[in-house]
Amino acid sequence: MAFSKYIVPALMASGAAYASSSSCGKSGSVTNITAQADADALSSCTTVEGDVAILSQAANGITFNGVQEITGSLTAAGATNVTLIAAPDLTSIGNEFSLSSIILLTTLNFPELTSVGSINFQALPNLQALTFTKGVSKAGSVSITNTGLTSLSGIELTSVGDFDLTANTALSTINVNDIKNITGTLIISANKNSLSIEFPNLVSAQNLTFRNTSSISVPSLANLTGELGLFGNYFSNFSAPNLTTCADLDFDGNADLTEINLPLLSSLTGGLAISNNDKLDTISFPKLSKVQGAIDLTGDYTNVSLPALTEVKGGFNAESTGNFSCSAFDSLRSNNVIQGTYNCTQTSNPTTMDGGSGSSSSTSSSASHTSSGAAVANMAVPSMGVTAVLGALLSLLM
């Protein structure tokens, strides 16, 4: 009898704990939300284990009261009749915060949210603002495409992996003041044509690609391990006053570009490609000394200044419709500074190394791309050809 005196309360306590655990999810499981009543069933849970999924049949507003942490993902896909998703107490989502194809969603209210595994928002055409009052300061990656957002207020990252902002046609400003490091690929493309981008404290990044923007400010950027690509933008000046090195550097189809200001750039582990920038008359890189890939310059320029150049392991192609002299580069070629194939000429039909047109006045347009592979075969090997094709298709669609 004495044994039962202790075992029965213990079993009762264990059962209560199990019931509580079950109602608050389970690691590796999914808690499905089809109506507000399902969300209310979690209101006694400060932590929900596993994933939470808002299903397509859900409608109107879904609010998660009381929940402070979701250890897995919070997702909603195809819930076309949901207008509001809120979690007033939620501070963290362990894995993905993913919302897609929720066409009536106008309100996303997560005032305490500061940490997510990743953000993936797609096809949210009526969502104009993020109510992330405290600011999301931690996310492994961010992808926001085809939304109605007008700004990224509430995204306050210091570091991020991949960062993709595409086809948000109302997005007029990107100002992520605290971000210092982008360890993956940044792509900003096909947003509002007047988009202004400010990364005042960004110091290092891997790959940066900018398309269809009116202003880019990266005053602190010092180091790129991958590509810096600017395609089809509308600004007249691009400046990265502290950038010292990157892999591939590519300017193509920036119709209003008149000045490239990279005064400290000293080395490229890939190549340099400049083409189809109608108003760019002078190309100048005063400190650039070593290029592991190729240099490919085509357009309407009249002056190229590379006074510090000591080594180009790949090929060299300079073709211009302007009154341009090749004498300085003829000397570099004869002194074996340019180690790959060599072409320098004034022509009415400049052609890039990969066979595309180097002037937007021609009937076809293709960006030229160079890479460190050029050093092996003494020819330019396109390292960004896929990017160029995608860019051209995007431009046609717009």
Foldseek 3Di string as FASTA:
>chain_A
DVVCVPVVVVVVVVVVVVVVLVLQEDAPDEQEAQEQVSLVSCQVPCERHHEYEYELNYAEEHENHNHAEYQAEYEYENVQHYAYYYYARHAEYNEEDYYENNANHAYYAHQRHAEYQEYHYYQHANHADHNPNVAHAYYQEYAHANYCHQEDPRHAYQEYEEYHYYHNANHAEYPRARHAEYEHEYEHENYHLAHEYDHDRHAEYEYYEYANYAYYYHARHAYYAEEYYYAHHAYQEDEHARHAEYAEYFYAQHQNHAYYHHARHAEYQKEYWYFAHANHAEAEHARHAYYLKEYWAEYAYAYYYHPNHQAHLAEYEAEHQYNHDCVVVVVCVVVCRGPAHYDHDYDPFDATQVGATRHPVDPTGFTHAATSVRNVVSGGDHPCRVVRVVSVVSVVVD
